[in-house]
C-alpha atoms as a PDB file:
ATOM      1  CA  MET A   1     -23.347 148.747  -6.150  1.00  0.00           C
ATOM      2  CA  SER A   2     -19.694 148.674  -4.856  1.00  0.00           C
ATOM      3  CA  GLU A   3     -21.007 149.255  -1.405  1.00  0.00           C
ATOM      4  CA  ILE A   4     -23.221 146.245  -1.691  1.00  0.00           C
ATOM      5  CA  ALA A   5     -20.599 144.046  -2.853  1.00  0.00           C
ATOM      6  CA  ALA A   6     -18.253 145.091  -0.050  1.00  0.00           C
ATOM      7  CA  ARG A   7     -21.044 144.307   2.379  1.00  0.00           C
ATOM      8  CA  MET A   8     -21.505 140.884   0.831  1.00  0.00           C
ATOM      9  CA  ARG A   9     -17.651 140.212   1.012  1.00  0.00           C
ATOM     10  CA  ALA A  10     -17.839 141.124   4.809  1.00  0.00           C
ATOM     11  CA  ILE A  11     -20.854 138.899   5.383  1.00  0.00           C
ATOM     12  CA  MET A  12     -19.819 135.796   3.544  1.00  0.00           C
ATOM     13  CA  PRO A  13     -16.856 134.648   5.571  1.00  0.00           C
ATOM     14  CA  ARG A  14     -18.856 134.882   8.723  1.00  0.00           C
ATOM     15  CA  SER A  15     -22.124 133.294   7.510  1.00  0.00           C
ATOM     16  CA  VAL A  16     -20.799 130.606   5.110  1.00  0.00           C
ATOM     17  CA  HIS A  17     -18.063 128.311   6.272  1.00  0.00           C
ATOM     18  CA  ILE A  18     -17.042 125.113   4.159  1.00  0.00           C
ATOM     19  CA  ASP A  19     -15.111 122.627   6.210  1.00  0.00           C
ATOM     20  CA  ARG A  20     -12.295 121.370   4.031  1.00  0.00           C
ATOM     21  CA  VAL A  21     -12.479 117.840   5.632  1.00  0.00           C
ATOM     22  CA  TRP A  22     -16.316 117.359   5.067  1.00  0.00           C
ATOM     23  CA  ALA A  23     -15.835 119.031   1.663  1.00  0.00           C
ATOM     24  CA  THR A  24     -13.173 116.531   0.610  1.00  0.00           C
ATOM     25  CA  THR A  25     -15.448 113.528   1.721  1.00  0.00           C
ATOM     26  CA  ALA A  26     -18.231 114.899  -0.229  1.00  0.00           C
ATOM     27  CA  VAL A  27     -16.175 115.262  -3.352  1.00  0.00           C
ATOM     28  CA  ILE A  28     -14.754 111.698  -3.068  1.00  0.00           C
ATOM     29  CA  LEU A  29     -18.309 110.255  -2.711  1.00  0.00           C
ATOM     30  CA  LEU A  30     -19.648 112.401  -5.482  1.00  0.00           C
ATOM     31  CA  ALA A  31     -16.797 111.136  -7.863  1.00  0.00           C
ATOM     32  CA  LEU A  32     -17.484 107.596  -6.888  1.00  0.00           C
ATOM     33  CA  ALA A  33     -21.202 108.051  -7.443  1.00  0.00           C
ATOM     34  CA  LEU A  34     -20.545 109.357 -10.940  1.00  0.00           C
ATOM     35  CA  VAL A  35     -17.934 106.800 -11.988  1.00  0.00           C
ATOM     36  CA  THR A  36     -18.829 103.697 -10.102  1.00  0.00           C
ATOM     37  CA  PRO A  37     -22.222 103.996  -8.287  1.00  0.00           C
ATOM     38  CA  HIS A  38     -21.883 100.569  -6.732  1.00  0.00           C
ATOM     39  CA  GLN A  39     -18.439 101.297  -5.175  1.00  0.00           C
ATOM     40  CA  ALA A  40     -20.098 104.465  -3.775  1.00  0.00           C
ATOM     41  CA  GLN A  41     -22.751 102.450  -1.988  1.00  0.00           C
ATOM     42  CA  GLU A  42     -20.122  99.929  -0.903  1.00  0.00           C
ATOM     43  CA  SER A  43     -17.783 102.738   0.475  1.00  0.00           C
ATOM     44  CA  LEU A  44     -20.834 104.276   2.418  1.00  0.00           C
ATOM     45  CA  ARG A  45     -21.522 100.884   4.064  1.00  0.00           C
ATOM     46  CA  PHE A  46     -18.020 100.428   4.829  1.00  0.00           C
ATOM     47  CA  THR A  47     -17.690 103.873   6.328  1.00  0.00           C
ATOM     48  CA  ALA A  48     -20.716 103.594   8.314  1.00  0.00           C
ATOM     49  CA  GLY A  49     -19.890 100.060   9.682  1.00  0.00           C
ATOM     50  CA  SER A  50     -16.317 101.030  10.614  1.00  0.00           C
ATOM     51  CA  LEU A  51     -17.666 104.126  12.522  1.00  0.00           C
ATOM     52  CA  LEU A  52     -20.102 101.846  14.306  1.00  0.00           C
ATOM     53  CA  GLU A  53     -17.425  99.323  15.035  1.00  0.00           C
ATOM     54  CA  THR A  54     -15.146 102.131  16.509  1.00  0.00           C
ATOM     55  CA  ALA A  55     -17.825 103.887  18.199  1.00  0.00           C
ATOM     56  CA  PRO A  56     -17.583 102.176  21.688  1.00  0.00           C
ATOM     57  CA  TYR A  57     -13.882 102.790  21.919  1.00  0.00           C
ATOM     58  CA  LEU A  58     -14.320 106.461  20.868  1.00  0.00           C
ATOM     59  CA  ILE A  59     -17.254 107.053  23.267  1.00  0.00           C
ATOM     60  CA  LEU A  60     -15.336 105.469  26.156  1.00  0.00           C
ATOM     61  CA  SER A  61     -12.155 107.514  25.440  1.00  0.00           C
ATOM     62  CA  ILE A  62     -13.957 110.688  24.711  1.00  0.00           C
ATOM     63  CA  GLY A  63     -16.018 110.186  27.942  1.00  0.00           C
ATOM     64  CA  ILE A  64     -12.855 109.658  30.058  1.00  0.00           C
ATOM     65  CA  ALA A  65     -11.197 112.698  28.562  1.00  0.00           C
ATOM     66  CA  ALA A  66     -14.243 115.007  29.084  1.00  0.00           C
ATOM     67  CA  TYR A  67     -14.718 113.757  32.494  1.00  0.00           C
ATOM     68  CA  ALA A  68     -11.188 114.359  33.555  1.00  0.00           C
ATOM     69  CA  GLY A  69     -11.597 117.898  32.361  1.00  0.00           C
ATOM     70  CA  ALA A  70     -14.905 118.609  33.901  1.00  0.00           C
ATOM     71  CA  SER A  71     -14.103 117.072  37.145  1.00  0.00           C
ATOM     72  CA  GLY A  72     -10.690 118.464  37.495  1.00  0.00           C
ATOM     73  CA  ALA A  73      -9.150 114.876  37.651  1.00  0.00           C
ATOM     74  CA  ASP A  74      -6.747 115.946  34.812  1.00  0.00           C
ATOM     75  CA  ARG A  75      -4.744 117.668  37.423  1.00  0.00           C
ATOM     76  CA  LEU A  76      -4.060 114.546  39.197  1.00  0.00           C
ATOM     77  CA  ILE A  77      -3.157 112.891  35.946  1.00  0.00           C
ATOM     78  CA  ALA A  78      -0.753 115.555  34.942  1.00  0.00           C
ATOM     79  CA  ARG A  79       0.893 115.528  38.409  1.00  0.00           C
ATOM     80  CA  ALA A  80       1.336 111.801  38.153  1.00  0.00           C
ATOM     81  CA  PHE A  81       3.528 112.336  35.032  1.00  0.00           C
ATOM     82  CA  THR A  82       5.409 115.163  36.369  1.00  0.00           C
ATOM     83  CA  GLY A  83       9.060 114.483  36.930  1.00  0.00           C
ATOM     84  CA  ARG A  84       8.940 110.805  36.058  1.00  0.00           C
ATOM     85  CA  THR A  85       9.357 110.895  32.313  1.00  0.00           C
ATOM     86  CA  ALA A  86      11.791 107.822  31.952  1.00  0.00           C
ATOM     87  CA  ILE A  87       9.611 105.745  34.273  1.00  0.00           C
ATOM     88  CA  MET A  88       6.449 106.695  32.590  1.00  0.00           C
ATOM     89  CA  ILE A  89       7.859 105.736  29.246  1.00  0.00           C
ATOM     90  CA  PHE A  90       8.202 102.126  30.423  1.00  0.00           C
ATOM     91  CA  ALA A  91       4.666 102.288  32.067  1.00  0.00           C
ATOM     92  CA  ALA A  92       3.138 103.713  28.869  1.00  0.00           C
ATOM     93  CA  ALA A  93       4.727 101.356  26.605  1.00  0.00           C
ATOM     94  CA  ALA A  94       3.693  98.321  28.657  1.00  0.00           C
ATOM     95  CA  PHE A  95       0.114  99.671  29.204  1.00  0.00           C
ATOM     96  CA  GLY A  96      -0.233 100.559  25.503  1.00  0.00           C
ATOM     97  CA  GLY A  97       0.789  97.016  24.456  1.00  0.00           C
ATOM     98  CA  LEU A  98      -1.913  95.483  26.790  1.00  0.00           C
ATOM     99  CA  SER A  99      -4.652  98.011  26.520  1.00  0.00           C
ATOM    100  CA  PRO A 100      -7.913  97.439  24.572  1.00  0.00           C
ATOM    101  CA  PHE A 101      -7.819 100.807  22.780  1.00  0.00           C
ATOM    102  CA  CYS A 102      -7.430 100.953  19.099  1.00  0.00           C
ATOM    103  CA  SER A 103      -5.330 103.605  17.398  1.00  0.00           C
ATOM    104  CA  CYS A 104      -8.328 105.754  16.665  1.00  0.00           C
ATOM    105  CA  GLY A 105     -10.067 105.351  20.042  1.00  0.00           C
ATOM    106  CA  VAL A 106      -6.978 106.399  21.963  1.00  0.00           C
ATOM    107  CA  ILE A 107      -6.837 109.783  19.979  1.00  0.00           C
ATOM    108  CA  PRO A 108      -8.991 111.818  22.477  1.00  0.00           C
ATOM    109  CA  LEU A 109      -7.043 110.543  25.444  1.00  0.00           C
ATOM    110  CA  ILE A 110      -3.753 111.516  23.720  1.00  0.00           C
ATOM    111  CA  ALA A 111      -5.187 114.983  22.887  1.00  0.00           C
ATOM    112  CA  ALA A 112      -6.286 115.535  26.577  1.00  0.00           C
ATOM    113  CA  LEU A 113      -2.793 114.390  27.893  1.00  0.00           C
ATOM    114  CA  LEU A 114      -0.939 116.608  25.720  1.00  0.00           C
ATOM    115  CA  SER A 115      -3.246 119.547  26.538  1.00  0.00           C
ATOM    116  CA  MET A 116      -2.805 118.950  30.164  1.00  0.00           C
ATOM    117  CA  GLY A 117       1.009 119.324  29.833  1.00  0.00           C
ATOM    118  CA  VAL A 118       1.940 115.701  30.102  1.00  0.00           C
ATOM    119  CA  PRO A 119       5.316 115.078  28.503  1.00  0.00           C
ATOM    120  CA  LEU A 120       5.252 114.105  24.840  1.00  0.00           C
ATOM    121  CA  ALA A 121       7.748 111.267  25.390  1.00  0.00           C
ATOM    122  CA  PRO A 122       5.438 108.887  27.394  1.00  0.00           C
ATOM    123  CA  VAL A 123       2.475 109.931  25.330  1.00  0.00           C
ATOM    124  CA  MET A 124       4.436 108.920  22.144  1.00  0.00           C
ATOM    125  CA  ALA A 125       5.277 105.575  23.846  1.00  0.00           C
ATOM    126  CA  PHE A 126       1.745 104.865  24.545  1.00  0.00           C
ATOM    127  CA  TRP A 127       0.487 106.044  21.153  1.00  0.00           C
ATOM    128  CA  LEU A 128       2.986 103.837  19.249  1.00  0.00           C
ATOM    129  CA  ALA A 129       2.403 100.656  21.355  1.00  0.00           C
ATOM    130  CA  SER A 130      -1.478 100.757  21.663  1.00  0.00           C
ATOM    131  CA  PRO A 131      -2.520 100.021  18.106  1.00  0.00           C
ATOM    132  CA  VAL A 132      -0.235  97.176  17.456  1.00  0.00           C
ATOM    133  CA  ILE A 133      -1.806  94.592  19.918  1.00  0.00           C
ATOM    134  CA  ASP A 134      -4.511  94.205  22.433  1.00  0.00           C
ATOM    135  CA  PRO A 135      -5.947  91.243  24.354  1.00  0.00           C
ATOM    136  CA  SER A 136      -8.457  90.119  21.930  1.00  0.00           C
ATOM    137  CA  MET A 137      -6.064  90.488  19.041  1.00  0.00           C
ATOM    138  CA  PHE A 138      -3.409  88.522  20.929  1.00  0.00           C
ATOM    139  CA  VAL A 139      -5.892  85.579  21.209  1.00  0.00           C
ATOM    140  CA  LEU A 140      -6.822  85.884  17.524  1.00  0.00           C
ATOM    141  CA  THR A 141      -3.066  86.229  16.407  1.00  0.00           C
ATOM    142  CA  SER A 142      -2.340  83.072  18.337  1.00  0.00           C
ATOM    143  CA  GLY A 143      -5.091  81.109  16.683  1.00  0.00           C
ATOM    144  CA  LEU A 144      -4.148  82.186  13.170  1.00  0.00           C
ATOM    145  CA  LEU A 145      -0.307  82.623  13.216  1.00  0.00           C
ATOM    146  CA  GLY A 146       0.716  80.813  16.426  1.00  0.00           C
ATOM    147  CA  LEU A 147       1.581  81.772  20.103  1.00  0.00           C
ATOM    148  CA  ASP A 148       5.252  82.638  19.119  1.00  0.00           C
ATOM    149  CA  PHE A 149       4.106  85.125  16.614  1.00  0.00           C
ATOM    150  CA  ALA A 150       1.546  86.712  19.086  1.00  0.00           C
ATOM    151  CA  ILE A 151       4.288  87.052  21.700  1.00  0.00           C
ATOM    152  CA  ALA A 152       6.699  88.528  19.203  1.00  0.00           C
ATOM    153  CA  LYS A 153       4.052  91.108  18.152  1.00  0.00           C
ATOM    154  CA  THR A 154       3.508  91.936  21.758  1.00  0.00           C
ATOM    155  CA  LEU A 155       7.090  92.614  22.454  1.00  0.00           C
ATOM    156  CA  ALA A 156       7.428  94.516  19.089  1.00  0.00           C
ATOM    157  CA  ALA A 157       4.601  96.715  20.351  1.00  0.00           C
ATOM    158  CA  ILE A 158       6.300  97.463  23.683  1.00  0.00           C
ATOM    159  CA  GLY A 159       9.786  97.799  22.125  1.00  0.00           C
ATOM    160  CA  LEU A 160       8.356 100.309  19.523  1.00  0.00           C
ATOM    161  CA  GLY A 161       6.933 102.348  22.365  1.00  0.00           C
ATOM    162  CA  LEU A 162      10.066 102.251  24.366  1.00  0.00           C
ATOM    163  CA  PHE A 163      11.983 103.250  21.265  1.00  0.00           C
ATOM    164  CA  GLY A 164       9.838 106.097  20.312  1.00  0.00           C
ATOM    165  CA  GLY A 165       9.522 107.309  23.879  1.00  0.00           C
ATOM    166  CA  PHE A 166      13.100 107.555  24.721  1.00  0.00           C
ATOM    167  CA  VAL A 167      14.128 109.162  21.370  1.00  0.00           C
ATOM    168  CA  THR A 168      11.329 111.693  21.831  1.00  0.00           C
ATOM    169  CA  MET A 169      12.577 112.377  25.324  1.00  0.00           C
ATOM    170  CA  ALA A 170      15.985 113.194  23.867  1.00  0.00           C
ATOM    171  CA  LEU A 171      14.585 115.436  21.220  1.00  0.00           C
ATOM    172  CA  VAL A 172      12.420 117.272  23.687  1.00  0.00           C
ATOM    173  CA  GLY A 173      15.400 117.675  26.022  1.00  0.00           C
ATOM    174  CA  ALA A 174      17.172 119.386  23.050  1.00  0.00           C
ATOM    175  CA  GLY A 175      14.382 121.781  22.655  1.00  0.00           C
ATOM    176  CA  ARG A 176      13.165 120.375  19.311  1.00  0.00           C
ATOM    177  CA  LEU A 177       9.546 119.445  20.015  1.00  0.00           C
ATOM    178  CA  ALA A 178       7.895 122.292  21.963  1.00  0.00           C
ATOM    179  CA  ASP A 179       4.013 122.699  21.587  1.00  0.00           C
ATOM    180  CA  PRO A 180       3.308 119.377  19.772  1.00  0.00           C
ATOM    181  CA  LEU A 181      -0.445 120.000  19.231  1.00  0.00           C
ATOM    182  CA  ARG A 182      -1.651 121.847  16.194  1.00  0.00           C
ATOM    183  CA  PRO A 183      -3.044 125.376  16.980  1.00  0.00           C
ATOM    184  CA  GLY A 184      -6.729 125.200  18.235  1.00  0.00           C
ATOM    185  CA  VAL A 185      -6.293 121.522  19.347  1.00  0.00           C
ATOM    186  CA  GLY A 186      -6.305 121.373  23.224  1.00  0.00           C
ATOM    187  CA  ASP A 187      -4.394 123.882  25.228  1.00  0.00           C
ATOM    188  CA  GLY A 188      -0.946 123.072  24.537  1.00  0.00           C
ATOM    189  CA  GLY A 189       1.677 124.237  27.058  1.00  0.00           C
ATOM    190  CA  CYS A 190      -0.731 126.807  28.565  1.00  0.00           C
ATOM    191  CA  GLY A 191      -3.260 124.056  29.422  1.00  0.00           C
ATOM    192  CA  GLY A 192      -0.376 122.139  31.011  1.00  0.00           C
ATOM    193  CA  ALA A 193       0.307 124.978  33.361  1.00  0.00           C
ATOM    194  CA  ALA A 194      -3.383 125.182  34.289  1.00  0.00           C
ATOM    195  CA  ALA A 195      -3.684 121.492  34.775  1.00  0.00           C
ATOM    196  CA  ARG A 196      -0.641 121.377  37.195  1.00  0.00           C
ATOM    197  CA  SER A 197      -2.194 124.309  39.236  1.00  0.00           C
ATOM    198  CA  ASP A 198      -3.957 123.828  42.444  1.00  0.00           C
ATOM    199  CA  GLY A 199      -7.608 123.244  42.282  1.00  0.00           C
ATOM    200  CA  THR A 200     -10.346 121.134  43.570  1.00  0.00           C
ATOM    201  CA  VAL A 201     -11.454 117.835  42.067  1.00  0.00           C
ATOM    202  CA  ALA A 202     -15.281 117.268  41.888  1.00  0.00           C
ATOM    203  CA  TRP A 203     -15.745 113.463  41.120  1.00  0.00           C
ATOM    204  CA  ARG A 204     -19.464 114.146  40.881  1.00  0.00           C
ATOM    205  CA  PHE A 205     -19.099 116.988  38.494  1.00  0.00           C
ATOM    206  CA  TRP A 206     -22.770 116.825  37.377  1.00  0.00           C
ATOM    207  CA  GLN A 207     -23.687 118.375  40.665  1.00  0.00           C
ATOM    208  CA  GLU A 208     -22.286 121.693  39.430  1.00  0.00           C
ATOM    209  CA  ALA A 209     -23.923 123.303  36.226  1.00  0.00           C
ATOM    210  CA  GLY A 210     -20.543 124.891  35.136  1.00  0.00           C
ATOM    211  CA  ARG A 211     -18.661 121.544  35.159  1.00  0.00           C
ATOM    212  CA  THR A 212     -21.533 119.809  33.490  1.00  0.00           C
ATOM    213  CA  THR A 213     -21.473 122.301  30.567  1.00  0.00           C
ATOM    214  CA  ARG A 214     -17.694 122.002  30.343  1.00  0.00           C
ATOM    215  CA  PHE A 215     -18.100 118.228  30.176  1.00  0.00           C
ATOM    216  CA  TRP A 216     -20.770 118.331  27.166  1.00  0.00           C
ATOM    217  CA  LYS A 217     -18.874 120.983  25.402  1.00  0.00           C
ATOM    218  CA  SER A 218     -15.576 119.086  25.620  1.00  0.00           C
ATOM    219  CA  ALA A 219     -17.170 115.912  24.539  1.00  0.00           C
ATOM    220  CA  GLY A 220     -19.245 117.460  21.638  1.00  0.00           C
ATOM    221  CA  SER A 221     -16.291 119.326  20.231  1.00  0.00           C
ATOM    222  CA  THR A 222     -14.018 116.236  20.461  1.00  0.00           C
ATOM    223  CA  THR A 223     -16.746 114.051  18.848  1.00  0.00           C
ATOM    224  CA  LEU A 224     -17.236 116.482  15.909  1.00  0.00           C
ATOM    225  CA  PHE A 225     -13.494 116.777  15.464  1.00  0.00           C
ATOM    226  CA  LEU A 226     -12.958 113.145  15.287  1.00  0.00           C
ATOM    227  CA  GLY A 227     -16.044 112.410  13.419  1.00  0.00           C
ATOM    228  CA  LYS A 228     -15.140 114.317  10.426  1.00  0.00           C
ATOM    229  CA  TRP A 229     -11.663 113.086  10.218  1.00  0.00           C
ATOM    230  CA  LEU A 230     -12.367 109.383  10.804  1.00  0.00           C
ATOM    231  CA  THR A 231     -15.147 109.586   8.240  1.00  0.00           C
ATOM    232  CA  LEU A 232     -12.757 110.631   5.573  1.00  0.00           C
ATOM    233  CA  ALA A 233     -10.266 108.006   6.787  1.00  0.00           C
ATOM    234  CA  PHE A 234     -12.531 105.153   6.631  1.00  0.00           C
ATOM    235  CA  LEU A 235     -13.882 106.335   3.265  1.00  0.00           C
ATOM    236  CA  LEU A 236     -10.281 106.439   1.849  1.00  0.00           C
ATOM    237  CA  GLU A 237      -9.567 102.970   3.305  1.00  0.00           C
ATOM    238  CA  SER A 238     -12.670 101.493   1.512  1.00  0.00           C
ATOM    239  CA  VAL A 239     -11.325 102.986  -1.799  1.00  0.00           C
ATOM    240  CA  MET A 240      -7.981 101.449  -1.136  1.00  0.00           C
ATOM    241  CA  LEU A 241      -9.360  98.124  -0.451  1.00  0.00           C
ATOM    242  CA  ALA A 242     -11.442  98.197  -3.467  1.00  0.00           C
ATOM    243  CA  TYR A 243      -8.614  99.048  -5.930  1.00  0.00           C
ATOM    244  CA  VAL A 244      -5.538  97.483  -4.207  1.00  0.00           C
ATOM    245  CA  PRO A 245      -6.091  93.735  -4.460  1.00  0.00           C
ATOM    246  CA  PRO A 246      -4.500  91.476  -1.914  1.00  0.00           C
ATOM    247  CA  GLU A 247      -2.695  89.616  -4.671  1.00  0.00           C
ATOM    248  CA  PHE A 248      -0.627  92.712  -5.480  1.00  0.00           C
ATOM    249  CA  VAL A 249       0.407  92.913  -1.846  1.00  0.00           C
ATOM    250  CA  SER A 250       1.288  89.145  -1.939  1.00  0.00           C
ATOM    251  CA  ARG A 251       3.767  89.715  -5.030  1.00  0.00           C
ATOM    252  CA  LEU A 252       5.470  92.457  -3.219  1.00  0.00           C
ATOM    253  CA  VAL A 253       6.243  90.915   0.117  1.00  0.00           C
ATOM    254  CA  GLY A 254       6.297  87.182  -0.764  1.00  0.00           C
ATOM    255  CA  GLY A 255       9.461  85.156  -0.398  1.00  0.00           C
ATOM    256  CA  PRO A 256      12.332  84.887   1.970  1.00  0.00           C
ATOM    257  CA  GLY A 257      15.211  87.310   2.796  1.00  0.00           C
ATOM    258  CA  ILE A 258      15.740  90.783   3.970  1.00  0.00           C
ATOM    259  CA  THR A 259      14.227  92.571   0.960  1.00  0.00           C
ATOM    260  CA  PRO A 260      10.762  91.329   1.701  1.00  0.00           C
ATOM    261  CA  ILE A 261      10.916  92.651   5.148  1.00  0.00           C
ATOM    262  CA  LEU A 262      11.813  96.127   3.964  1.00  0.00           C
ATOM    263  CA  THR A 263       9.187  95.879   1.260  1.00  0.00           C
ATOM    264  CA  ALA A 264       6.514  94.705   3.800  1.00  0.00           C
ATOM    265  CA  THR A 265       7.354  97.682   6.127  1.00  0.00           C
ATOM    266  CA  LEU A 266       6.897 100.245   3.344  1.00  0.00           C
ATOM    267  CA  VAL A 267       3.885  98.510   1.869  1.00  0.00           C
ATOM    268  CA  GLY A 268       2.237  98.037   5.249  1.00  0.00           C
ATOM    269  CA  VAL A 269       1.637 101.643   5.754  1.00  0.00           C
ATOM    270  CA  PRO A 270      -0.613 102.415   2.740  1.00  0.00           C
ATOM    271  CA  ALA A 271      -1.825  98.838   2.039  1.00  0.00           C
ATOM    272  CA  TYR A 272      -2.869  97.762   5.528  1.00  0.00           C
ATOM    273  CA  LEU A 273      -6.366  96.560   6.337  1.00  0.00           C
ATOM    274  CA  ASN A 274      -7.695  96.967   9.971  1.00  0.00           C
ATOM    275  CA  GLY A 275      -5.788  94.822  12.566  1.00  0.00           C
ATOM    276  CA  TYR A 276      -8.315  91.887  12.517  1.00  0.00           C
ATOM    277  CA  ALA A 277      -8.838  91.791   8.776  1.00  0.00           C
ATOM    278  CA  ALA A 278      -5.095  91.892   8.074  1.00  0.00           C
ATOM    279  CA  LEU A 279      -4.492  88.577  10.157  1.00  0.00           C
ATOM    280  CA  PRO A 280      -6.154  86.136   7.628  1.00  0.00           C
ATOM    281  CA  LEU A 281      -4.329  87.907   4.846  1.00  0.00           C
ATOM    282  CA  VAL A 282      -0.987  87.535   6.385  1.00  0.00           C
ATOM    283  CA  SER A 283      -1.755  83.987   7.419  1.00  0.00           C
ATOM    284  CA  GLY A 284      -2.315  83.325   3.575  1.00  0.00           C
ATOM    285  CA  LEU A 285       0.754  85.055   2.675  1.00  0.00           C
ATOM    286  CA  ILE A 286       2.821  82.981   5.085  1.00  0.00           C
ATOM    287  CA  SER A 287       1.453  79.933   3.653  1.00  0.00           C
ATOM    288  CA  GLN A 288       2.437  81.094   0.161  1.00  0.00           C
ATOM    289  CA  GLY A 289       6.104  81.811   1.361  1.00  0.00           C
ATOM    290  CA  MET A 290       6.026  84.996   3.126  1.00  0.00           C
ATOM    291  CA  ALA A 291       8.812  85.265   5.662  1.00  0.00           C
ATOM    292  CA  PRO A 292       7.818  85.607   9.327  1.00  0.00           C
ATOM    293  CA  GLY A 293       9.922  88.765   9.669  1.00  0.00           C
ATOM    294  CA  ALA A 294       8.150  90.329   6.777  1.00  0.00           C
ATOM    295  CA  ALA A 295       4.853  89.396   8.151  1.00  0.00           C
ATOM    296  CA  LEU A 296       5.584  90.965  11.574  1.00  0.00           C
ATOM    297  CA  ALA A 297       6.959  94.187   9.909  1.00  0.00           C
ATOM    298  CA  PHE A 298       3.830  94.352   7.842  1.00  0.00           C
ATOM    299  CA  LEU A 299       1.517  94.073  10.818  1.00  0.00           C
ATOM    300  CA  VAL A 300       3.299  96.415  13.104  1.00  0.00           C
ATOM    301  CA  ALA A 301       3.856  99.078  10.367  1.00  0.00           C
ATOM    302  CA  GLY A 302       0.356  98.990   9.180  1.00  0.00           C
ATOM    303  CA  GLY A 303      -1.094  98.789  12.779  1.00  0.00           C
ATOM    304  CA  VAL A 304       0.722 102.085  13.831  1.00  0.00           C
ATOM    305  CA  THR A 305       0.134 103.920  10.512  1.00  0.00           C
ATOM    306  CA  CYS A 306      -3.067 102.666   9.080  1.00  0.00           C
ATOM    307  CA  ILE A 307      -5.142 105.234   7.073  1.00  0.00           C
ATOM    308  CA  PRO A 308      -7.562 106.128   9.858  1.00  0.00           C
ATOM    309  CA  ALA A 309      -4.856 106.357  12.505  1.00  0.00           C
ATOM    310  CA  ALA A 310      -2.424 108.370  10.465  1.00  0.00           C
ATOM    311  CA  ILE A 311      -5.098 110.916   9.385  1.00  0.00           C
ATOM    312  CA  ALA A 312      -6.221 111.313  13.102  1.00  0.00           C
ATOM    313  CA  VAL A 313      -2.651 111.860  14.111  1.00  0.00           C
ATOM    314  CA  PHE A 314      -2.024 114.350  11.213  1.00  0.00           C
ATOM    315  CA  ALA A 315      -4.864 116.316  12.238  1.00  0.00           C
ATOM    316  CA  LEU A 316      -3.985 116.435  15.995  1.00  0.00           C
ATOM    317  CA  VAL A 317      -0.283 117.276  15.990  1.00  0.00           C
ATOM    318  CA  GLU A 318       2.253 119.432  14.300  1.00  0.00           C
ATOM    319  CA  LYS A 319       3.818 118.201  11.109  1.00  0.00           C
ATOM    320  CA  ARG A 320       7.264 117.544  12.639  1.00  0.00           C
ATOM    321  CA  VAL A 321       5.535 115.355  15.316  1.00  0.00           C
ATOM    322  CA  PHE A 322       3.616 113.533  12.646  1.00  0.00           C
ATOM    323  CA  ALA A 323       6.838 112.931  10.710  1.00  0.00           C
ATOM    324  CA  LEU A 324       8.510 111.625  13.717  1.00  0.00           C
ATOM    325  CA  TYR A 325       5.520 109.274  14.417  1.00  0.00           C
ATOM    326  CA  VAL A 326       5.667 107.829  10.985  1.00  0.00           C
ATOM    327  CA  GLY A 327       9.526 107.597  11.189  1.00  0.00           C
ATOM    328  CA  PHE A 328       9.281 105.657  14.391  1.00  0.00           C
ATOM    329  CA  ALA A 329       6.669 103.239  12.767  1.00  0.00           C
ATOM    330  CA  LEU A 330       8.964 102.478   9.852  1.00  0.00           C
ATOM    331  CA  THR A 331      12.260 102.091  11.666  1.00  0.00           C
ATOM    332  CA  GLY A 332      10.704 100.148  14.577  1.00  0.00           C
ATOM    333  CA  SER A 333       8.736  97.839  12.354  1.00  0.00           C
ATOM    334  CA  LEU A 334      11.714  97.236  10.144  1.00  0.00           C
ATOM    335  CA  ALA A 335      13.951  96.435  13.248  1.00  0.00           C
ATOM    336  CA  SER A 336      11.228  94.187  14.725  1.00  0.00           C
ATOM    337  CA  GLY A 337      10.895  92.098  11.503  1.00  0.00           C
ATOM    338  CA  LEU A 338      14.586  91.701  11.310  1.00  0.00           C
ATOM    339  CA  LEU A 339      15.025  90.688  14.772  1.00  0.00           C
ATOM    340  CA  PHE A 340      12.066  88.170  14.742  1.00  0.00           C
ATOM    341  CA  GLN A 341      13.447  86.875  11.476  1.00  0.00           C
ATOM    342  CA  SER A 342      16.894  86.200  13.023  1.00  0.00           C
ATOM    343  CA  VAL A 343      15.458  84.465  16.027  1.00  0.00           C
ATOM    344  CA  MET A 344      13.321  82.232  13.949  1.00  0.00           C
ATOM    345  CA  LEU A 345      16.307  81.314  11.727  1.00  0.00           C
ATOM    346  CA  ALA A 346      18.421  80.497  14.839  1.00  0.00           C
ATOM    347  CA  LEU A 347      15.758  78.322  16.302  1.00  0.00           C
ATOM    348  CA  SER A 348      15.057  76.525  13.257  1.00  0.00           C
END
């Protein structure tokens, strides 16, 4: 009998594997179904709709990352970043502020760049700036909050990227942030060495069976990795939206002064909607007396650290890099709000 039990224990870990992320998602849905069946259905619809809305960006970014690896073009990308960290921080922050990628859609590109050995500093600059603003959001922000607010948000995105990038460069120079990716995600520093080695680039990689296999394997593993984390993230966001009413946020961040800016920065992280849904809320809060600086801090902090983005970042990088990412979001958002408030008061 003991021999049979020993065999069972040896077999079970290999044959039965329960993914903790999918298990957490299932437990949340089961709890909702038992307590509030209607909310369970609403959360399922919200999660599915959010995944569909994000899918075009994810497919594009996953495809680009997989193509770069399969064709060998990742070597060219890595070489373009080599030895130009300070310059690339400026370029990454500016491009991040103008790119159409959302904070979730850029995750595969970030993972690919880090696994190639691209320095963390310009990657951090792009990562911080990208979710705050994009061309379509600039237009919508101008319509709802005014052109001056849209310009301020764009400058805040670029400034946040520069701030995070140069601080990260200093920390990396001091030897504090080696191997930023979690174990098993990308290739880390070793991958960087491979990416910078000599090798051919096959732009039409599909003509070679080995490269084609590499493309589909990379795309499939990245899709599964992001799919489970984003499903959990959007599910948690739906629960937050259901049980944290906008009126509660309004009471916290309404009114003039420095305190609402600080409060808006802190509240913006857990209570943020997606970038487009947040704009009408902020427009309403401003009409109720919310200070412009508090509004900007709320949008910037929430854009960088909204629940889907934060969970994806947490799944991708080491804890110290994630803590740095959140710290940049909070301090940069607070500084942006205070500066914008000062400028608006000076012009009034």
